[in-house]
């Protein structure tokens, strides 16, 4: 039997990082455990995006310190040398940085740090510290649903761009931006982020919607893992943006099988990121997915991942109008009862 791993080249590059394949374990609770990250590497993950350090955690630590210093000043100057436990069960910035350092020592694959928020906050300072702790790249997970009617769409976009510029000016490692699809002109926003210095765009963030508990009359969290159907929105925009911007494109959300990975590559993604698939099937599924990808490529006579990247993008297909409004009519008229 032919060893497909020796005849098919799965390697790719993403924001300047050389990866053995396009499968990246994206941010999830699994990434909080060093042992799990070791198993991800053993199972074939080409890189890992750590769980996010949240803006609220940075602010929490700062608020706790301010409160303590204020209290201590009333007890005497010597009390200023005593610092409290700031985390109260929440992983704070220092713990995050230490976890990052341990991950870098434990595995050989790239480790991408993640900052999650919507304003500058302490992002710039901790972005620099993540770089110093050894992060191979930084993912800005911009999670914002503007609810103030006085804030215009133009201002929201400006805030995104300024945040990326500010972080980009402070670090030398690659900066990726993970964002949602809710922009009036996604292509224009992608170009602005590209011009602001983003090395990669991660499409798309999943915004979790709360539900109502009708018995308790409370708003409750509602976490639903992704499925392959969610891939379609990502494929559309990656195919549209491929070749139109300098930044690399990563697809996240809806990657559950080898066919999903192939579609992501053909649309123009450099990597396919997985979270829900690993939570549902376990870390070892990464190895299964790699094998299935090799088999699919062998059956369809592909020699490398690079050979298929962008082959089904808007610029490459015979009918690019399929990505535009004309496809809307065709889809509606195609339904058969």
Protein backbone atom coordinates (compact mmCIF):
# COMPACT_ATOMS: atom_id res chain seq x y z
CA UNK A 1 0.00 0.00 0.00
CA UNK A 2 1.29 3.46 -0.92
CA UNK A 3 2.03 5.76 2.01
CA UNK A 4 0.05 8.83 0.91
CA UNK A 5 1.78 10.99 3.51
CA UNK A 6 5.01 10.56 1.55
CA UNK A 7 3.53 11.27 -1.88
CA UNK A 8 1.11 14.11 -1.04
CA UNK A 9 2.34 17.41 0.38
CA UNK A 10 -0.07 18.73 3.01
CA UNK A 11 2.14 21.66 4.01
CA UNK A 12 0.94 25.24 3.88
CA UNK A 13 1.94 28.64 5.21
CA UNK A 14 -0.11 30.99 7.34
CA UNK A 15 0.98 34.54 8.24
CA UNK A 16 4.56 33.54 7.56
CA UNK A 17 4.43 30.36 9.64
CA UNK A 18 5.39 27.13 7.91
CA UNK A 19 2.85 24.45 8.82
CA UNK A 20 2.92 20.71 8.18
CA UNK A 21 -0.76 20.72 7.20
CA UNK A 22 -3.71 23.16 7.16
CA UNK A 23 -5.36 21.80 10.33
CA UNK A 24 -5.22 24.26 13.23
CA UNK A 25 -6.79 23.71 16.64
CA UNK A 26 -8.53 26.98 17.37
CA UNK A 27 -9.32 28.65 20.66
CA UNK A 28 -11.35 26.49 23.05
CA UNK A 29 -11.34 25.27 26.66
CA UNK A 30 -9.17 22.36 25.48
CA UNK A 31 -6.32 24.83 24.98
CA UNK A 32 -6.22 25.64 28.69
CA UNK A 33 -4.66 22.21 29.37
CA UNK A 34 -0.99 21.64 28.54
CA UNK A 35 -1.50 17.90 28.21
CA UNK A 36 -4.30 18.46 25.70
CA UNK A 37 -2.04 20.68 23.61
CA UNK A 38 0.62 17.95 23.59
CA UNK A 39 -2.02 15.48 22.38
CA UNK A 40 -3.10 17.93 19.67
CA UNK A 41 0.46 18.03 18.35
CA UNK A 42 0.70 14.22 18.47
CA UNK A 43 -2.64 13.90 16.65
CA UNK A 44 -1.43 16.09 13.80
CA UNK A 45 -2.43 19.65 14.59
CA UNK A 46 -0.19 22.02 12.65
CA UNK A 47 -0.66 24.87 15.14
CA UNK A 48 -2.75 25.78 18.16
CA UNK A 49 -4.60 28.99 18.95
CA UNK A 50 -4.72 29.30 22.73
CA UNK A 51 -7.89 30.10 24.60
CA UNK A 52 -8.44 33.85 24.75
CA UNK A 53 -7.32 36.28 27.39
CA UNK A 54 -10.43 38.42 27.78
CA UNK A 55 -10.44 42.18 28.06
CA UNK A 56 -12.62 41.80 31.15
CA UNK A 57 -9.92 39.71 32.83
CA UNK A 58 -7.32 42.40 32.18
CA UNK A 59 -9.66 45.05 33.56
CA UNK A 60 -10.56 42.84 36.53
CA UNK A 61 -6.93 42.51 37.55
CA UNK A 62 -6.36 46.25 37.19
CA UNK A 63 -9.50 47.08 39.19
CA UNK A 64 -8.54 44.65 41.95
CA UNK A 65 -5.08 46.18 42.18
CA UNK A 66 -6.47 49.72 42.29
CA UNK A 67 -8.92 48.76 45.01
CA UNK A 68 -6.26 47.07 47.10
CA UNK A 69 -3.80 49.93 46.78
CA UNK A 70 -6.55 52.33 47.81
CA UNK A 71 -7.36 50.25 50.87
CA UNK A 72 -3.71 49.76 51.75
CA UNK A 73 -2.95 53.47 51.63
CA UNK A 74 -5.21 53.92 54.64
CA UNK A 75 -3.26 51.30 56.59
CA UNK A 76 0.24 52.72 56.05
CA UNK A 77 2.89 52.77 53.36
CA UNK A 78 4.38 49.42 54.39
CA UNK A 79 1.12 47.74 53.41
CA UNK A 80 1.74 48.63 49.76
CA UNK A 81 4.24 45.79 49.53
CA UNK A 82 1.55 43.18 50.15
CA UNK A 83 -0.41 42.13 47.09
CA UNK A 84 -3.65 40.15 47.18
CA UNK A 85 -4.77 37.19 45.13
CA UNK A 86 -6.28 38.92 42.11
CA UNK A 87 -7.84 36.11 40.14
CA UNK A 88 -10.56 34.68 42.41
CA UNK A 89 -10.84 31.61 40.21
CA UNK A 90 -10.42 33.55 36.96
CA UNK A 91 -7.31 32.98 34.85
CA UNK A 92 -5.66 36.37 34.78
CA UNK A 93 -3.02 37.83 32.49
CA UNK A 94 -0.02 36.52 34.45
CA UNK A 95 -1.38 32.98 34.54
CA UNK A 96 -2.09 33.20 30.82
CA UNK A 97 1.46 34.30 30.05
CA UNK A 98 2.89 31.48 32.17
CA UNK A 99 0.69 28.96 30.35
CA UNK A 100 1.95 30.35 27.05
CA UNK A 101 5.57 29.92 28.14
CA UNK A 102 4.93 26.31 29.18
CA UNK A 103 3.23 25.53 25.87
CA UNK A 104 6.18 26.89 23.91
CA UNK A 105 8.54 24.63 25.87
CA UNK A 106 6.29 21.57 25.58
CA UNK A 107 5.58 21.46 21.83
CA UNK A 108 7.29 22.28 18.55
CA UNK A 109 4.27 23.46 16.57
CA UNK A 110 3.45 27.21 16.49
CA UNK A 111 1.44 28.59 19.39
CA UNK A 112 -0.82 31.53 18.58
CA UNK A 113 -1.91 33.67 21.54
CA UNK A 114 -5.40 35.18 21.58
CA UNK A 115 -6.77 38.45 22.94
CA UNK A 116 -10.54 38.82 23.12
CA UNK A 117 -12.24 42.18 23.48
CA UNK A 118 -13.64 45.20 21.69
CA UNK A 119 -11.62 48.19 22.94
CA UNK A 120 -7.94 48.97 23.41
CA UNK A 121 -8.05 48.32 27.17
CA UNK A 122 -4.88 46.55 28.21
CA UNK A 123 -4.52 44.87 24.83
CA UNK A 124 -1.44 46.71 23.65
CA UNK A 125 0.59 46.01 26.78
CA UNK A 126 -0.36 42.34 26.92
CA UNK A 127 0.14 41.87 23.19
CA UNK A 128 3.75 42.86 23.74
CA UNK A 129 4.06 40.56 26.75
CA UNK A 130 2.62 37.66 24.76
CA UNK A 131 5.27 38.24 22.14
CA UNK A 132 7.95 38.25 24.84
CA UNK A 133 6.52 35.02 26.29
CA UNK A 134 7.17 33.31 22.97
CA UNK A 135 3.92 33.49 21.00
CA UNK A 136 4.51 32.76 17.31
CA UNK A 137 1.60 34.98 16.32
CA UNK A 138 -1.24 36.92 17.91
CA UNK A 139 -4.94 36.59 17.17
CA UNK A 140 -7.13 39.59 17.99
CA UNK A 141 -10.52 38.06 18.65
CA UNK A 142 -12.69 41.16 18.25
CA UNK A 143 -16.03 40.27 19.79
CA UNK A 144 -18.37 43.21 19.72
CA UNK A 145 -22.09 43.66 19.13
CA UNK A 146 -22.69 47.44 19.07
CA UNK A 147 -25.94 48.24 20.86
CA UNK A 148 -25.64 51.99 21.30
CA UNK A 149 -27.85 53.67 18.67
CA UNK A 150 -25.62 56.73 18.82
CA UNK A 151 -22.61 54.75 17.57
CA UNK A 152 -22.51 54.63 13.77
CA UNK A 153 -21.27 51.77 11.64
CA UNK A 154 -18.46 54.03 10.49
CA UNK A 155 -17.32 54.53 14.09
CA UNK A 156 -17.44 50.79 14.78
CA UNK A 157 -15.21 50.11 11.78
CA UNK A 158 -12.86 52.92 12.78
CA UNK A 159 -12.47 51.39 16.25
CA UNK A 160 -11.53 48.03 14.71
CA UNK A 161 -8.96 49.58 12.42
CA UNK A 162 -7.40 51.74 15.14
CA UNK A 163 -7.12 48.74 17.45
CA UNK A 164 -5.31 46.71 14.81
CA UNK A 165 -2.98 49.62 14.01
CA UNK A 166 -2.17 50.13 17.69
CA UNK A 167 -1.32 46.47 18.30
CA UNK A 168 0.54 46.12 15.01
CA UNK A 169 2.77 49.06 15.98
CA UNK A 170 3.84 47.33 19.21
CA UNK A 171 4.67 43.79 18.12
CA UNK A 172 6.81 42.18 15.46
CA UNK A 173 5.08 38.81 15.37
CA UNK A 174 2.23 38.25 12.89
CA UNK A 175 -1.13 39.74 13.88
CA UNK A 176 -4.35 38.00 12.84
CA UNK A 177 -7.84 39.43 13.24
CA UNK A 178 -10.80 37.21 14.01
CA UNK A 179 -14.03 39.03 13.27
CA UNK A 180 -17.71 38.50 12.62
CA UNK A 181 -19.55 38.87 9.30
CA UNK A 182 -21.81 41.75 10.37
CA UNK A 183 -20.46 44.60 8.28
CA UNK A 184 -22.37 46.50 5.63
CA UNK A 185 -19.42 45.99 3.28
CA UNK A 186 -17.36 42.99 4.31
CA UNK A 187 -14.95 43.35 1.39
CA UNK A 188 -14.24 46.99 2.22
CA UNK A 189 -13.73 46.17 5.91
CA UNK A 190 -11.31 43.40 5.00
CA UNK A 191 -9.33 45.83 2.87
CA UNK A 192 -9.18 48.37 5.73
CA UNK A 193 -7.89 45.75 8.17
CA UNK A 194 -5.39 44.60 5.59
CA UNK A 195 -4.15 48.17 5.15
CA UNK A 196 -3.99 48.56 8.95
CA UNK A 197 -1.38 45.82 9.09
CA UNK A 198 -3.34 42.62 9.71
CA UNK A 199 -1.30 39.65 8.49
CA UNK A 200 -4.29 37.35 8.52
CA UNK A 201 -8.09 37.45 8.72
CA UNK A 202 -9.93 34.66 10.53
CA UNK A 203 -13.49 34.27 9.20
CA UNK A 204 -15.77 34.15 11.10
CA UNK A 205 -16.35 34.55 14.80
CA UNK A 206 -19.50 32.87 16.13
CA UNK A 207 -21.66 35.16 18.24
CA UNK A 208 -23.47 33.16 20.89
CA UNK A 209 -27.04 34.27 21.46
CA UNK A 210 -28.63 34.02 24.93
CA UNK A 211 -31.97 32.28 25.40
CA UNK A 212 -34.92 32.86 27.76
CA UNK A 213 -35.77 30.59 30.68
CA UNK A 214 -39.55 31.01 30.76
CA UNK A 215 -39.96 29.41 34.20
CA UNK A 216 -37.29 31.44 35.98
CA UNK A 217 -37.88 34.46 33.71
CA UNK A 218 -34.16 34.85 33.23
CA UNK A 219 -31.82 35.34 30.30
CA UNK A 220 -29.54 32.31 30.16
CA UNK A 221 -26.41 31.38 28.18
CA UNK A 222 -26.98 29.21 25.12
CA UNK A 223 -23.97 27.40 23.70
CA UNK A 224 -24.54 25.46 20.48
CA UNK A 225 -21.57 23.85 18.74
CA UNK A 226 -21.14 24.44 15.03
CA UNK A 227 -22.07 22.14 12.14
CA UNK A 228 -20.90 21.86 8.53
CA UNK A 229 -23.77 24.01 7.26
CA UNK A 230 -22.13 27.05 8.87
CA UNK A 231 -19.21 26.57 6.51
CA UNK A 232 -21.09 28.15 3.60
CA UNK A 233 -20.94 31.77 4.78
CA UNK A 234 -17.21 31.41 5.42
CA UNK A 235 -16.58 29.83 2.03
CA UNK A 236 -18.43 32.64 0.29
CA UNK A 237 -16.39 35.46 1.79
CA UNK A 238 -13.03 33.71 1.62
CA UNK A 239 -13.66 32.98 -2.05
CA UNK A 240 -14.56 36.63 -2.62
CA UNK A 241 -11.56 38.01 -0.73
CA UNK A 242 -8.95 35.59 -2.04
CA UNK A 243 -6.51 37.51 -4.22
CA UNK A 244 -8.13 40.85 -3.39
CA UNK A 245 -6.13 41.49 -0.20
CA UNK A 246 -2.59 40.80 0.97
CA UNK A 247 -3.54 39.18 4.29
CA UNK A 248 -3.80 35.40 4.56
CA UNK A 249 -7.25 33.93 5.12
CA UNK A 250 -8.21 31.36 7.75
CA UNK A 251 -11.58 29.63 7.89
CA UNK A 252 -13.12 28.88 11.27
CA UNK A 253 -16.62 27.67 12.06
CA UNK A 254 -18.17 24.59 10.47
CA UNK A 255 -15.07 22.47 9.74
CA UNK A 256 -16.07 18.92 10.66
CA UNK A 257 -14.74 16.56 7.97
CA UNK A 258 -12.18 16.24 5.19
CA UNK A 259 -14.60 17.62 2.59
CA UNK A 260 -14.97 20.77 4.69
CA UNK A 261 -11.20 21.20 4.78
CA UNK A 262 -10.94 20.73 1.01
CA UNK A 263 -13.67 23.31 0.41
CA UNK A 264 -11.89 25.78 2.68
CA UNK A 265 -8.65 25.32 0.75
CA UNK A 266 -10.34 25.63 -2.65
CA UNK A 267 -12.07 28.84 -1.57
CA UNK A 268 -8.67 30.31 -0.75
CA UNK A 269 -8.02 29.66 2.94
CA UNK A 270 -4.49 28.91 4.08
CA UNK A 271 -5.70 26.98 7.13
CA UNK A 272 -8.89 25.40 8.43
CA UNK A 273 -9.48 25.89 12.15
CA UNK A 274 -11.35 23.39 14.29
CA UNK A 275 -13.05 23.70 17.65
CA UNK A 276 -16.48 22.03 17.72
CA UNK A 277 -15.26 18.92 15.88
CA UNK A 278 -12.61 18.32 18.54
CA UNK A 279 -15.05 18.99 21.38
CA UNK A 280 -17.53 16.54 19.87
CA UNK A 281 -15.17 13.78 18.75
CA UNK A 282 -12.05 14.24 20.82
CA UNK A 283 -8.54 15.39 20.07
CA UNK A 284 -7.66 12.11 18.32
CA UNK A 285 -10.10 13.04 15.56
CA UNK A 286 -7.39 15.34 14.21
CA UNK A 287 -5.44 12.26 13.13
CA UNK A 288 -8.53 10.73 11.50
CA UNK A 289 -9.17 13.97 9.64
CA UNK A 290 -5.59 14.07 8.34
CA UNK A 291 -5.90 10.52 7.01
CA UNK A 292 -9.25 11.25 5.36
CA UNK A 293 -7.78 14.37 3.76
CA UNK A 294 -4.88 12.38 2.31
CA UNK A 295 -7.26 9.73 0.95
CA UNK A 296 -9.50 12.35 -0.68
CA UNK A 297 -6.54 14.07 -2.30
CA UNK A 298 -5.13 10.75 -3.53
CA UNK A 299 -8.49 9.71 -5.01
CA UNK A 300 -8.79 13.06 -6.80
CA UNK A 301 -5.15 13.19 -7.92
CA UNK A 302 -4.01 16.21 -5.94
CA UNK A 303 -0.32 16.31 -5.15
CA UNK A 304 -0.38 19.16 -2.63
CA UNK A 305 -2.55 21.51 -0.63
CA UNK A 306 -1.03 24.45 -2.49
CA UNK A 307 -2.32 23.00 -5.75
CA UNK A 308 -5.94 23.42 -4.65
CA UNK A 309 -5.74 26.68 -2.67
CA UNK A 310 -7.90 29.33 -4.32
CA UNK A 311 -8.93 27.04 -7.19
CA UNK A 312 -12.61 27.73 -6.47
CA UNK A 313 -12.28 31.37 -5.48
CA UNK A 314 -14.28 34.09 -7.16
CA UNK A 315 -11.39 34.93 -9.46
CA UNK A 316 -10.85 31.32 -10.54
CA UNK A 317 -14.31 29.93 -11.31
CA UNK A 318 -15.89 30.24 -14.79
CA UNK A 319 -19.00 31.89 -13.34
CA UNK A 320 -17.97 34.43 -10.68
CA UNK A 321 -21.53 35.76 -10.75
CA UNK A 322 -22.43 32.74 -8.61
CA UNK A 323 -20.99 34.71 -5.69
CA UNK A 324 -23.24 37.70 -6.41
CA UNK A 325 -26.93 38.55 -6.49
CA UNK A 326 -27.78 36.54 -9.59
CA UNK A 327 -27.21 33.38 -7.55
CA UNK A 328 -30.00 34.43 -5.17
CA UNK A 329 -32.65 33.92 -7.85
CA UNK A 330 -31.19 30.58 -8.91
CA UNK A 331 -31.14 29.27 -5.36
CA UNK A 332 -34.75 30.26 -4.68
CA UNK A 333 -35.99 28.76 -7.94
CA UNK A 334 -34.03 25.53 -7.42
CA UNK A 335 -36.10 24.32 -4.47
CA UNK A 336 -38.25 21.33 -5.34
CA UNK A 337 -40.90 19.87 -3.06
